């Protein structure tokens, strides 16, 4: 028999059989000593409320050991009913949140992996990159979708972990693991995303104090260590090459060793526990940033958070930390430039429309066709019709009859777009002649709208050459090359200049069903920061190391 030290509604020592007693049996025993109904007794051990388990797990399976401390509290039956009601409502809310996260990640990965254009109100484009910022091209669409969805769900789970929503984070991590399983095993062996995901899952077990997952935790940590060592190379050679000599991985290995020590402790492997904890503590000490080094960098104008990160990832070397910050800032500036360029490309692709299979026109192939002498709108339409098949597009472009038909379609589509934009602006109360002049001046619907409203009201003066007229001119254009109020067409000169502008269309059924808020939230979490997985705040880890060294000492003294 083992002893439990009980405090609360009943204080004393209970003799229990850890290998045969269940939580309900312990609850009954406490209720008998406290002279109350067992339904009103709450049991807390190791910072976790002990709940009745459907599988009748034994006390030892919950990690309860000899001389463990159990806190007991008493609640009224009505309070317990209200508590159960709140728990049920919270569970429903949690389930809805998880469903939204999964649906949004699936929708985003499907659209962006298959080459579809971003939808309206979607001001981002999701692409796979390696740690050096280079695009990653995978074999099949299903693999791309799996990788994208896995990365999105992992990023979302990390955000939930920062909010201390570990139960929700754990379920999202399980979804992410399932998504990664769609990828080729050879690809997964080359990256450390899945090993870090496993470490994060075990960290959630620990923060939830879920001792029931102990055996699973050991298996996950073994896979994580094997995967991360294979990916990082012997003596971390690959990491050093990729990261230019800095040490971003220190916090990840520290957390891994801490969790290995915790699992070893609860498995009774005390020597392995001490060894792992000692190594974790050494790494934890290396991650403590001295005040003088931090003050020096902050005094140089760097933000405290980026200074801490730079020092931790460069073994507290101030000179290397400064170089690291400068390089990181340059990368962010370059990324912003690339994002702006990509947004321009997306807007251009939207003007060409989608292929029959809902793919965007390939701009690389399009530019190649333009370089050999074909007009851009004509070449774009040929590619659109032929699913970006360059040979079939060339056949159409070099066939006189087909090329003429494509040109006629392009001209018709341009005229419809311009007329639609003009109609939209005219419906707002602007005179059609001013509408066309504003479009010529700006080249976009939004730009034209800004020009037309610049003078205030629906009748600002716009010169016939496309410039905004001065407030004193008070004259309307009568130029034959602009629309009159009753004319619904536009001449060929105007057509060629405004044909490439965008127009907002009615949302499709697919767009109407989108969870835009959740999709945007997930997209915001994809920062493009290659080192985000390694950037861990280690305060809780330090506390856990101290806690388990103390427990280890107590166990060895028994």
Protein backbone atom coordinates (compact mmCIF):
# COMPACT_ATOMS: atom_id res chain seq x y z
CA UNK A 1 0.00 0.00 0.00
CA UNK A 2 1.06 3.57 -0.69
CA UNK A 3 0.37 6.81 1.15
CA UNK A 4 -1.29 9.98 -0.13
CA UNK A 5 -1.08 13.27 1.79
CA UNK A 6 -4.57 14.80 1.62
CA UNK A 7 -5.50 18.41 2.47
CA UNK A 8 -8.72 20.41 2.14
CA UNK A 9 -12.18 19.18 3.16
CA UNK A 10 -10.32 16.26 4.73
CA UNK A 11 -6.74 16.48 5.94
CA UNK A 12 -4.67 13.43 6.72
CA UNK A 13 -2.93 10.38 5.30
CA UNK A 14 -4.78 7.86 3.14
CA UNK A 15 -3.57 4.34 2.52
CA UNK A 16 -4.23 3.48 -1.14
CA UNK A 17 -3.31 0.87 -3.72
CA UNK A 18 -2.04 2.96 -6.63
CA UNK A 19 -2.10 0.05 -9.07
CA UNK A 20 -5.73 -0.92 -8.34
CA UNK A 21 -7.55 2.18 -7.12
CA UNK A 22 -9.36 4.46 -9.56
CA UNK A 23 -10.32 8.15 -9.24
CA UNK A 24 -13.94 7.33 -8.21
CA UNK A 25 -12.61 5.01 -5.48
CA UNK A 26 -10.32 7.75 -4.15
CA UNK A 27 -13.17 10.24 -4.29
CA UNK A 28 -15.43 7.88 -2.29
CA UNK A 29 -12.72 7.39 0.32
CA UNK A 30 -12.21 11.15 0.76
CA UNK A 31 -16.01 11.71 0.94
CA UNK A 32 -16.31 9.03 3.65
CA UNK A 33 -13.67 10.74 5.80
CA UNK A 34 -15.14 14.20 5.13
CA UNK A 35 -18.69 12.99 5.81
CA UNK A 36 -20.12 14.39 2.56
CA UNK A 37 -21.50 13.26 -0.79
CA UNK A 38 -18.79 12.03 -3.17
CA UNK A 39 -20.43 13.95 -6.04
CA UNK A 40 -19.48 17.22 -4.29
CA UNK A 41 -15.76 16.38 -3.90
CA UNK A 42 -13.12 17.72 -6.26
CA UNK A 43 -9.63 16.21 -6.32
CA UNK A 44 -6.53 18.11 -7.46
CA UNK A 45 -3.06 16.59 -7.83
CA UNK A 46 0.00 17.99 -9.56
CA UNK A 47 -1.90 21.12 -10.57
CA UNK A 48 -4.56 19.11 -12.42
CA UNK A 49 -8.19 18.34 -11.54
CA UNK A 50 -8.65 14.56 -11.38
CA UNK A 51 -11.74 13.55 -13.33
CA UNK A 52 -13.50 10.19 -13.51
CA UNK A 53 -12.27 8.25 -16.53
CA UNK A 54 -14.47 6.00 -18.69
CA UNK A 55 -11.67 3.44 -18.91
CA UNK A 56 -11.31 3.25 -15.12
CA UNK A 57 -7.62 4.08 -15.27
CA UNK A 58 -5.65 3.41 -12.10
CA UNK A 59 -4.09 6.11 -9.95
CA UNK A 60 -0.59 5.08 -11.03
CA UNK A 61 -1.58 5.63 -14.67
CA UNK A 62 -2.33 9.27 -13.82
CA UNK A 63 1.25 9.63 -12.59
CA UNK A 64 0.25 9.64 -8.91
CA UNK A 65 3.10 8.30 -6.77
CA UNK A 66 3.69 7.35 -3.16
CA UNK A 67 3.57 10.39 -0.83
CA UNK A 68 1.90 12.52 -3.51
CA UNK A 69 -0.09 15.52 -2.26
CA UNK A 70 -3.82 15.68 -3.10
CA UNK A 71 -5.89 18.81 -2.53
CA UNK A 72 -9.63 18.26 -1.94
CA UNK A 73 -12.37 20.87 -2.30
CA UNK A 74 -16.12 20.73 -1.87
CA UNK A 75 -18.75 22.24 -4.15
CA UNK A 76 -22.53 22.17 -3.85
CA UNK A 77 -24.52 19.95 -6.21
CA UNK A 78 -26.12 23.02 -7.83
CA UNK A 79 -22.69 24.64 -8.29
CA UNK A 80 -21.43 21.45 -9.86
CA UNK A 81 -24.39 21.36 -12.23
CA UNK A 82 -23.72 24.96 -13.24
CA UNK A 83 -20.05 24.11 -13.67
CA UNK A 84 -20.92 21.16 -15.92
CA UNK A 85 -23.22 23.40 -17.96
CA UNK A 86 -20.42 25.94 -18.45
CA UNK A 87 -18.00 23.16 -19.37
CA UNK A 88 -20.47 21.84 -21.96
CA UNK A 89 -20.93 25.32 -23.48
CA UNK A 90 -17.17 25.88 -23.51
CA UNK A 91 -16.69 22.51 -25.23
CA UNK A 92 -19.22 23.45 -27.90
CA UNK A 93 -17.48 26.79 -28.47
CA UNK A 94 -14.10 25.04 -28.65
CA UNK A 95 -15.47 22.54 -31.16
CA UNK A 96 -16.81 25.35 -33.37
CA UNK A 97 -13.46 27.14 -33.22
CA UNK A 98 -11.57 24.01 -34.26
CA UNK A 99 -14.00 23.35 -37.11
CA UNK A 100 -13.50 26.92 -38.37
CA UNK A 101 -9.71 26.63 -38.19
CA UNK A 102 -9.67 23.35 -40.11
CA UNK A 103 -12.14 24.56 -42.77
CA UNK A 104 -10.26 27.83 -43.32
CA UNK A 105 -6.87 26.07 -43.58
CA UNK A 106 -8.31 23.54 -46.05
CA UNK A 107 -9.83 26.31 -48.19
CA UNK A 108 -6.63 28.37 -48.23
CA UNK A 109 -4.36 25.43 -49.02
CA UNK A 110 -6.66 24.24 -51.80
CA UNK A 111 -6.81 27.62 -53.54
CA UNK A 112 -3.14 28.54 -53.18
CA UNK A 113 -1.70 25.09 -53.91
CA UNK A 114 -3.62 24.59 -57.14
CA UNK A 115 -2.57 27.93 -58.61
CA UNK A 116 -5.90 29.72 -58.24
CA UNK A 117 -5.82 33.49 -57.89
CA UNK A 118 -6.48 35.06 -54.49
CA UNK A 119 -10.14 35.85 -54.06
CA UNK A 120 -11.61 39.30 -53.41
CA UNK A 121 -10.55 40.75 -50.04
CA UNK A 122 -7.63 38.28 -50.02
CA UNK A 123 -4.60 40.57 -50.00
CA UNK A 124 -1.96 37.87 -49.77
CA UNK A 125 -0.53 34.96 -51.70
CA UNK A 126 0.68 31.85 -49.87
CA UNK A 127 3.75 30.12 -51.26
CA UNK A 128 6.18 27.51 -49.93
CA UNK A 129 9.70 28.72 -49.15
CA UNK A 130 12.76 27.23 -47.50
CA UNK A 131 14.72 28.95 -44.71
CA UNK A 132 16.76 30.93 -47.21
CA UNK A 133 13.58 32.37 -48.77
CA UNK A 134 13.77 30.30 -51.96
CA UNK A 135 10.54 28.91 -53.43
CA UNK A 136 9.94 25.22 -52.80
CA UNK A 137 8.39 23.26 -55.66
CA UNK A 138 6.78 19.93 -54.83
CA UNK A 139 5.76 17.09 -57.09
CA UNK A 140 1.98 16.97 -56.85
CA UNK A 141 -0.83 19.32 -55.96
CA UNK A 142 -1.88 17.08 -53.04
CA UNK A 143 1.64 17.33 -51.59
CA UNK A 144 1.62 21.12 -51.90
CA UNK A 145 -1.77 21.25 -50.23
CA UNK A 146 -0.58 18.97 -47.43
CA UNK A 147 2.57 21.02 -46.80
CA UNK A 148 0.70 24.34 -46.89
CA UNK A 149 -2.08 23.12 -44.64
CA UNK A 150 0.40 21.57 -42.19
CA UNK A 151 2.39 24.81 -41.95
CA UNK A 152 -0.75 26.93 -41.54
CA UNK A 153 -2.16 24.70 -38.79
CA UNK A 154 1.20 24.56 -37.00
CA UNK A 155 1.45 28.37 -37.04
CA UNK A 156 -2.12 28.64 -35.75
CA UNK A 157 -1.39 26.13 -32.96
CA UNK A 158 1.66 28.16 -31.88
CA UNK A 159 -0.56 31.22 -31.63
CA UNK A 160 -3.00 29.25 -29.44
CA UNK A 161 -0.07 28.11 -27.27
CA UNK A 162 0.99 31.73 -26.78
CA UNK A 163 -2.56 32.37 -25.56
CA UNK A 164 -2.19 29.37 -23.19
CA UNK A 165 -5.01 27.54 -25.02
CA UNK A 166 -3.10 24.26 -24.90
CA UNK A 167 -6.05 21.90 -25.32
CA UNK A 168 -7.15 23.64 -28.51
CA UNK A 169 -3.54 23.90 -29.70
CA UNK A 170 -3.06 20.16 -29.24
CA UNK A 171 -6.02 19.33 -31.46
CA UNK A 172 -4.84 21.76 -34.14
CA UNK A 173 -1.38 20.16 -34.02
CA UNK A 174 -2.99 16.75 -34.59
CA UNK A 175 -4.72 18.22 -37.68
CA UNK A 176 -1.36 19.59 -38.83
CA UNK A 177 0.26 16.17 -38.41
CA UNK A 178 -2.46 14.61 -40.57
CA UNK A 179 -1.89 17.28 -43.25
CA UNK A 180 1.88 16.67 -43.33
CA UNK A 181 1.20 12.95 -43.83
CA UNK A 182 0.10 13.80 -47.39
CA UNK A 183 3.68 14.80 -48.25
CA UNK A 184 6.36 12.51 -49.59
CA UNK A 185 8.38 10.96 -46.77
CA UNK A 186 11.63 12.01 -48.46
CA UNK A 187 10.52 15.65 -48.35
CA UNK A 188 9.57 15.41 -44.67
CA UNK A 189 12.98 13.93 -43.82
CA UNK A 190 14.66 17.04 -45.24
CA UNK A 191 12.79 19.57 -43.07
CA UNK A 192 12.44 20.00 -39.31
CA UNK A 193 8.80 21.12 -39.29
CA UNK A 194 7.39 17.73 -38.27
CA UNK A 195 9.99 17.08 -35.49
CA UNK A 196 9.26 20.53 -34.03
CA UNK A 197 5.52 19.84 -34.31
CA UNK A 198 6.04 16.67 -32.23
CA UNK A 199 7.97 18.63 -29.61
CA UNK A 200 5.16 21.19 -29.46
CA UNK A 201 2.59 18.41 -28.99
CA UNK A 202 4.49 16.98 -26.03
CA UNK A 203 4.87 20.49 -24.60
CA UNK A 204 1.08 20.78 -24.69
CA UNK A 205 0.82 17.42 -22.84
CA UNK A 206 3.10 18.83 -20.18
CA UNK A 207 1.31 22.18 -19.84
CA UNK A 208 -2.00 20.29 -19.52
CA UNK A 209 -0.28 17.96 -17.00
CA UNK A 210 -1.69 15.06 -19.02
CA UNK A 211 0.27 12.16 -17.58
CA UNK A 212 -2.01 9.72 -19.43
CA UNK A 213 -0.14 10.57 -22.63
CA UNK A 214 3.20 9.58 -21.11
CA UNK A 215 3.92 6.58 -23.36
CA UNK A 216 2.83 8.53 -26.46
CA UNK A 217 5.03 11.44 -25.36
CA UNK A 218 8.09 9.19 -25.22
CA UNK A 219 7.44 7.91 -28.74
CA UNK A 220 6.92 11.42 -30.10
CA UNK A 221 10.10 12.73 -28.51
CA UNK A 222 12.11 9.81 -29.92
CA UNK A 223 10.76 10.59 -33.41
CA UNK A 224 11.45 14.29 -32.89
CA UNK A 225 15.07 13.72 -31.89
CA UNK A 226 15.69 11.33 -34.75
CA UNK A 227 14.08 13.69 -37.27
CA UNK A 228 15.71 16.88 -36.06
CA UNK A 229 19.20 15.34 -35.90
CA UNK A 230 18.80 13.92 -39.41
CA UNK A 231 17.62 17.28 -40.71
CA UNK A 232 20.21 19.43 -38.92
CA UNK A 233 23.09 17.11 -39.77
CA UNK A 234 25.95 15.73 -37.71
CA UNK A 235 27.18 18.31 -35.19
CA UNK A 236 24.53 20.70 -36.60
CA UNK A 237 26.59 21.29 -39.74
CA UNK A 238 23.54 21.94 -41.96
CA UNK A 239 22.13 24.50 -39.53
CA UNK A 240 25.43 26.38 -39.41
CA UNK A 241 25.63 26.51 -43.20
CA UNK A 242 21.99 27.59 -43.65
CA UNK A 243 22.06 30.18 -40.86
CA UNK A 244 25.48 31.66 -41.52
CA UNK A 245 27.03 30.47 -38.27
CA UNK A 246 24.33 31.61 -35.82
CA UNK A 247 22.77 29.22 -33.27
CA UNK A 248 18.96 29.54 -33.54
CA UNK A 249 18.31 25.91 -32.51
CA UNK A 250 19.44 26.21 -28.87
CA UNK A 251 15.96 26.83 -27.38
CA UNK A 252 14.41 23.95 -29.35
CA UNK A 253 17.01 21.46 -28.10
CA UNK A 254 16.64 22.81 -24.56
CA UNK A 255 12.87 22.19 -24.64
CA UNK A 256 13.40 18.74 -26.18
CA UNK A 257 15.85 17.70 -23.44
CA UNK A 258 13.60 19.08 -20.69
CA UNK A 259 10.66 17.03 -22.00
CA UNK A 260 12.87 13.94 -22.31
CA UNK A 261 13.83 14.44 -18.66
CA UNK A 262 10.19 14.78 -17.58
CA UNK A 263 9.18 11.61 -19.43
CA UNK A 264 12.17 9.77 -17.92
CA UNK A 265 11.16 10.92 -14.42
CA UNK A 266 7.58 9.68 -14.74
CA UNK A 267 8.90 6.40 -16.18
CA UNK A 268 11.13 5.86 -13.15
CA UNK A 269 14.35 6.34 -15.16
CA UNK A 270 15.92 8.75 -12.71
CA UNK A 271 19.49 8.60 -14.06
CA UNK A 272 18.28 9.47 -17.57
CA UNK A 273 16.10 12.19 -16.06
CA UNK A 274 19.04 13.83 -14.29
CA UNK A 275 21.22 13.62 -17.40
CA UNK A 276 18.55 15.24 -19.60
CA UNK A 277 17.69 17.94 -17.06
CA UNK A 278 21.36 18.81 -16.55
CA UNK A 279 21.86 19.27 -20.30
CA UNK A 280 18.64 21.29 -20.58
CA UNK A 281 19.72 23.53 -17.70
CA UNK A 282 23.08 24.21 -19.35
CA UNK A 283 21.33 25.34 -22.53
CA UNK A 284 18.82 27.36 -20.50
CA UNK A 285 21.70 29.23 -18.85
CA UNK A 286 23.19 30.00 -22.28
CA UNK A 287 19.86 31.58 -23.27
CA UNK A 288 19.81 34.06 -20.37
CA UNK A 289 20.55 37.50 -21.83
CA UNK A 290 22.76 39.72 -19.59
CA UNK A 291 21.28 43.14 -18.81
CA UNK A 292 24.44 44.96 -19.90
CA UNK A 293 24.46 43.34 -23.37
CA UNK A 294 20.72 44.01 -23.82
CA UNK A 295 21.09 47.63 -22.66
CA UNK A 296 23.95 48.13 -25.10
CA UNK A 297 21.86 47.03 -28.09
CA UNK A 298 18.78 48.95 -26.95
CA UNK A 299 20.98 52.02 -26.53
CA UNK A 300 22.04 51.59 -30.17
CA UNK A 301 18.40 52.00 -31.20
CA UNK A 302 17.34 48.37 -31.56
CA UNK A 303 14.04 47.15 -30.13
CA UNK A 304 14.29 45.10 -26.94
CA UNK A 305 12.57 42.03 -28.39
CA UNK A 306 14.75 41.85 -31.51
CA UNK A 307 17.84 42.50 -29.40
CA UNK A 308 17.01 39.59 -27.08
CA UNK A 309 16.36 37.30 -30.02
CA UNK A 310 19.62 38.30 -31.73
CA UNK A 311 21.69 37.76 -28.58
CA UNK A 312 20.11 34.36 -27.85
CA UNK A 313 20.64 33.13 -31.39
CA UNK A 314 24.27 34.28 -31.45
CA UNK A 315 25.48 32.97 -28.10
CA UNK A 316 25.34 36.46 -26.53
CA UNK A 317 27.98 37.82 -28.95
CA UNK A 318 27.06 41.52 -29.29
CA UNK A 319 28.93 42.09 -32.57
CA UNK A 320 27.32 39.08 -34.24
CA UNK A 321 23.94 40.05 -32.80
CA UNK A 322 24.16 43.50 -34.44
CA UNK A 323 25.05 41.92 -37.79
CA UNK A 324 22.16 39.47 -37.33
CA UNK A 325 19.64 42.27 -36.70
CA UNK A 326 20.84 44.24 -39.74
CA UNK A 327 20.57 41.15 -41.93
CA UNK A 328 17.08 40.34 -40.60
CA UNK A 329 15.89 43.88 -41.30
CA UNK A 330 17.29 43.76 -44.84
CA UNK A 331 15.44 40.48 -45.40
CA UNK A 332 12.18 42.05 -44.24
CA UNK A 333 12.64 45.01 -46.60
CA UNK A 334 13.37 42.65 -49.49
CA UNK A 335 10.33 40.53 -48.60
CA UNK A 336 8.10 43.61 -48.62
CA UNK A 337 9.39 44.54 -52.08
CA UNK A 338 8.73 41.01 -53.31
CA UNK A 339 5.23 41.06 -51.77
CA UNK A 340 4.42 44.34 -53.52
CA UNK A 341 5.68 42.93 -56.83
CA UNK A 342 3.63 39.79 -56.32
CA UNK A 343 0.52 41.88 -55.59
CA UNK A 344 1.04 43.70 -58.88
CA UNK A 345 1.36 40.37 -60.67
CA UNK A 346 -1.83 39.11 -59.05
CA UNK A 347 -3.72 42.22 -60.16
CA UNK A 348 -2.39 41.70 -63.68
CA UNK A 349 -3.41 38.03 -63.65
CA UNK A 350 -6.91 38.97 -62.53
CA UNK A 351 -7.35 41.11 -65.64
CA UNK A 352 -6.74 38.05 -67.85
CA UNK A 353 -9.31 35.86 -66.12
CA UNK A 354 -9.09 32.21 -65.13
CA UNK A 355 -8.47 29.15 -67.27
CA UNK A 356 -11.29 26.60 -67.73
CA UNK A 357 -9.79 24.68 -64.79
CA UNK A 358 -9.78 27.85 -62.64
CA UNK A 359 -6.02 28.45 -62.81
CA UNK A 360 -4.29 31.81 -63.27
CA UNK A 361 -2.42 32.71 -66.44
CA UNK A 362 1.27 31.84 -66.00
CA UNK A 363 3.13 35.17 -66.20
CA UNK A 364 6.51 33.56 -66.82
CA UNK A 365 5.22 31.83 -69.95
CA UNK A 366 3.30 34.96 -70.93
CA UNK A 367 6.42 37.15 -70.75
CA UNK A 368 8.28 34.62 -72.89
CA UNK A 369 5.59 34.88 -75.57
CA UNK A 370 5.73 38.68 -75.42
CA UNK A 371 9.53 38.57 -75.76
CA UNK A 372 9.22 36.78 -79.11
CA UNK A 373 6.84 39.40 -80.50
CA UNK A 374 3.25 38.59 -79.51
CA UNK A 375 0.99 41.25 -78.00
CA UNK A 376 0.46 40.70 -74.30
CA UNK A 377 -3.37 40.66 -74.17
CA UNK A 378 -3.51 38.31 -77.15
CA UNK A 379 -0.88 35.94 -75.73
CA UNK A 380 -2.56 35.97 -72.30
CA UNK A 381 -5.91 34.96 -73.79
CA UNK A 382 -4.26 32.17 -75.82
CA UNK A 383 -2.65 30.80 -72.64
CA UNK A 384 -5.88 31.15 -70.68
CA UNK A 385 -7.80 29.12 -73.24
CA UNK A 386 -5.13 26.43 -73.39
CA UNK A 387 -4.46 25.93 -69.64
CA UNK A 388 -1.02 27.61 -69.94
CA UNK A 389 0.14 25.07 -72.53
CA UNK A 390 2.70 27.13 -74.47
CA UNK A 391 2.73 24.90 -77.55
CA UNK A 392 -1.07 24.96 -77.94
CA UNK A 393 -1.06 28.72 -77.31
CA UNK A 394 1.56 29.17 -80.05
CA UNK A 395 -0.54 27.12 -82.44
CA UNK A 396 -3.50 29.45 -81.85
CA UNK A 397 -1.41 32.62 -82.10
CA UNK A 398 0.17 31.59 -85.40
CA UNK A 399 -3.13 30.48 -86.94
CA UNK A 400 -4.62 33.52 -88.73
CA UNK A 401 -8.27 32.57 -88.20
CA UNK A 402 -7.87 31.53 -84.54
CA UNK A 403 -5.70 34.57 -83.78
CA UNK A 404 -8.36 36.88 -85.29
CA UNK A 405 -11.05 35.26 -83.16
CA UNK A 406 -8.95 35.67 -80.04
CA UNK A 407 -8.30 39.34 -80.88
CA UNK A 408 -12.02 39.95 -81.37
CA UNK A 409 -12.75 38.32 -78.01
CA UNK A 410 -10.06 40.38 -76.28
CA UNK A 411 -11.42 43.64 -77.74
CA UNK A 412 -14.97 42.70 -76.76
CA UNK A 413 -13.91 41.82 -73.22
CA UNK A 414 -11.99 45.08 -72.86
CA UNK A 415 -15.00 47.09 -73.97
CA UNK A 416 -17.27 45.26 -71.56
CA UNK A 417 -14.89 45.87 -68.67
CA UNK A 418 -14.57 49.58 -69.42
CA UNK A 419 -18.30 49.97 -69.89
CA UNK A 420 -18.97 48.15 -66.64
CA UNK A 421 -16.57 50.41 -64.74
CA UNK A 422 -18.02 53.52 -66.35
CA UNK A 423 -21.54 52.35 -65.56
CA UNK A 424 -20.62 51.69 -61.98
CA UNK A 425 -19.13 55.15 -61.50
CA UNK A 426 -21.91 56.84 -63.45
CA UNK A 427 -24.47 55.13 -61.20
CA UNK A 428 -22.87 56.99 -58.30
CA UNK A 429 -23.85 60.31 -59.88
CA UNK A 430 -20.70 61.20 -61.81
CA UNK A 431 -20.98 62.48 -65.39
CA UNK A 432 -19.80 59.90 -67.89
CA UNK A 433 -17.35 62.25 -69.64
CA UNK A 434 -15.58 62.89 -66.34
CA UNK A 435 -15.64 59.18 -65.53
CA UNK A 436 -13.71 58.26 -68.69
CA UNK A 437 -11.22 61.12 -68.18
CA UNK A 438 -10.62 60.00 -64.59
CA UNK A 439 -10.08 56.41 -65.70
CA UNK A 440 -7.58 57.55 -68.32
CA UNK A 441 -5.74 59.54 -65.67
CA UNK A 442 -5.52 56.78 -63.06
CA UNK A 443 -5.94 53.43 -64.82
CA UNK A 444 -8.06 51.86 -62.08
CA UNK A 445 -11.55 51.94 -60.64
CA UNK A 446 -10.36 53.00 -57.19
CA UNK A 447 -8.04 55.63 -58.60
CA UNK A 448 -10.80 57.07 -60.78
CA UNK A 449 -13.14 57.16 -57.82
CA UNK A 450 -10.54 59.04 -55.77
CA UNK A 451 -10.08 61.59 -58.56
CA UNK A 452 -13.81 62.07 -59.01
CA UNK A 453 -14.35 62.66 -55.31
CA UNK A 454 -11.22 64.78 -54.79
CA UNK A 455 -13.15 68.02 -55.33
CA UNK A 456 -16.01 66.86 -53.11
CA UNK A 457 -19.39 65.65 -54.36
CA UNK A 458 -20.32 63.69 -57.49
CA UNK A 459 -19.48 66.44 -60.02
CA UNK A 460 -15.74 67.29 -59.80
CA UNK A 461 -14.15 68.87 -62.85
CA UNK A 462 -11.87 66.58 -64.86
CA UNK A 463 -9.99 67.92 -67.88
CA UNK A 464 -10.37 66.13 -71.18
CA UNK A 465 -6.70 65.10 -71.13
CA UNK A 466 -7.30 63.07 -67.97
CA UNK A 467 -6.02 65.68 -65.46
CA UNK A 468 -8.13 66.88 -62.59
CA UNK A 469 -9.21 70.39 -63.54
CA UNK A 470 -8.80 73.29 -61.14
CA UNK A 471 -11.78 74.34 -59.08
CA UNK A 472 -11.90 77.67 -60.92
CA UNK A 473 -12.16 76.30 -64.45
CA UNK A 474 -15.79 75.21 -64.25
CA UNK A 475 -15.69 73.80 -67.81
CA UNK A 476 -16.80 70.42 -69.10
CA UNK A 477 -14.96 68.58 -71.83
CA UNK A 478 -16.64 68.30 -75.22
CA UNK A 479 -13.79 66.35 -76.81
CA UNK A 480 -15.05 63.71 -79.22
CA UNK A 481 -12.58 61.21 -77.75
CA UNK A 482 -14.49 61.01 -74.46
CA UNK A 483 -17.86 59.70 -73.47
CA UNK A 484 -20.87 61.96 -73.46
CA UNK A 485 -23.54 61.40 -70.85
CA UNK A 486 -25.76 59.49 -73.26
CA UNK A 487 -23.03 57.45 -74.95
CA UNK A 488 -22.57 53.89 -73.69
CA UNK A 489 -19.48 53.07 -75.80
CA UNK A 490 -15.82 54.09 -75.74
CA UNK A 491 -13.50 54.61 -78.70
CA UNK A 492 -10.50 52.37 -79.44
CA UNK A 493 -7.89 54.83 -78.09
CA UNK A 494 -9.59 55.08 -74.71
CA UNK A 495 -10.18 51.34 -74.77
CA UNK A 496 -6.51 50.45 -75.08
CA UNK A 497 -5.55 52.70 -72.18
CA UNK A 498 -8.11 51.57 -69.63
CA UNK A 499 -8.54 47.95 -70.62
CA UNK A 500 -6.21 46.61 -67.95
CA UNK A 501 -7.97 48.14 -64.95
CA UNK A 502 -9.72 46.02 -62.39
CA UNK A 503 -13.42 45.83 -61.66
CA UNK A 504 -15.09 44.39 -58.62
CA UNK A 505 -17.42 41.56 -59.52
CA UNK A 506 -20.24 40.00 -57.57
CA UNK A 507 -18.87 37.40 -55.15
CA UNK A 508 -19.19 33.81 -56.30
CA UNK A 509 -20.98 31.16 -54.27
CA UNK A 510 -17.58 29.89 -53.11
CA UNK A 511 -16.60 33.36 -51.89
CA UNK A 512 -19.90 33.84 -50.06
CA UNK A 513 -19.31 30.64 -48.08
CA UNK A 514 -15.81 31.69 -47.00
CA UNK A 515 -14.92 32.33 -43.38
CA UNK A 516 -12.97 35.46 -44.28
CA UNK A 517 -12.12 36.42 -40.69
CA UNK A 518 -10.59 33.04 -39.89
CA UNK A 519 -8.75 32.85 -43.23
CA UNK A 520 -7.24 36.28 -42.63
CA UNK A 521 -6.26 35.32 -39.08
CA UNK A 522 -4.47 32.21 -40.31
CA UNK A 523 -2.76 34.14 -43.11
CA UNK A 524 -1.51 36.80 -40.65
CA UNK A 525 0.14 34.06 -38.58
CA UNK A 526 2.28 33.10 -41.61
CA UNK A 527 4.87 35.81 -41.06
CA UNK A 528 7.50 34.38 -43.40
CA UNK A 529 9.96 34.43 -40.48
CA UNK A 530 12.23 31.43 -41.10
CA UNK A 531 13.38 31.40 -37.46
CA UNK A 532 9.99 31.71 -35.74
CA UNK A 533 9.98 28.02 -34.73
CA UNK A 534 13.26 28.55 -32.84
CA UNK A 535 12.24 31.82 -31.18
CA UNK A 536 10.94 30.47 -27.85
CA UNK A 537 10.38 32.39 -24.63
CA UNK A 538 12.01 30.04 -22.08
CA UNK A 539 10.75 31.32 -18.71
CA UNK A 540 8.33 28.43 -18.20
CA UNK A 541 11.02 25.94 -19.22
CA UNK A 542 13.33 27.32 -16.53
CA UNK A 543 10.64 26.90 -13.90
CA UNK A 544 9.98 23.32 -15.05
CA UNK A 545 13.68 22.44 -14.83
CA UNK A 546 13.79 23.69 -11.23
CA UNK A 547 10.53 21.84 -10.40
CA UNK A 548 11.74 18.48 -11.69
CA UNK A 549 15.19 18.77 -10.12
CA UNK A 550 13.35 19.29 -6.83
CA UNK A 551 11.06 16.30 -7.43
CA UNK A 552 14.04 14.20 -8.42
CA UNK A 553 15.83 15.12 -5.18
CA UNK A 554 12.70 14.26 -3.13
CA UNK A 555 12.36 10.89 -4.84
CA UNK A 556 15.99 9.99 -4.27
CA UNK A 557 15.68 10.86 -0.55
CA UNK A 558 12.74 8.48 -0.01
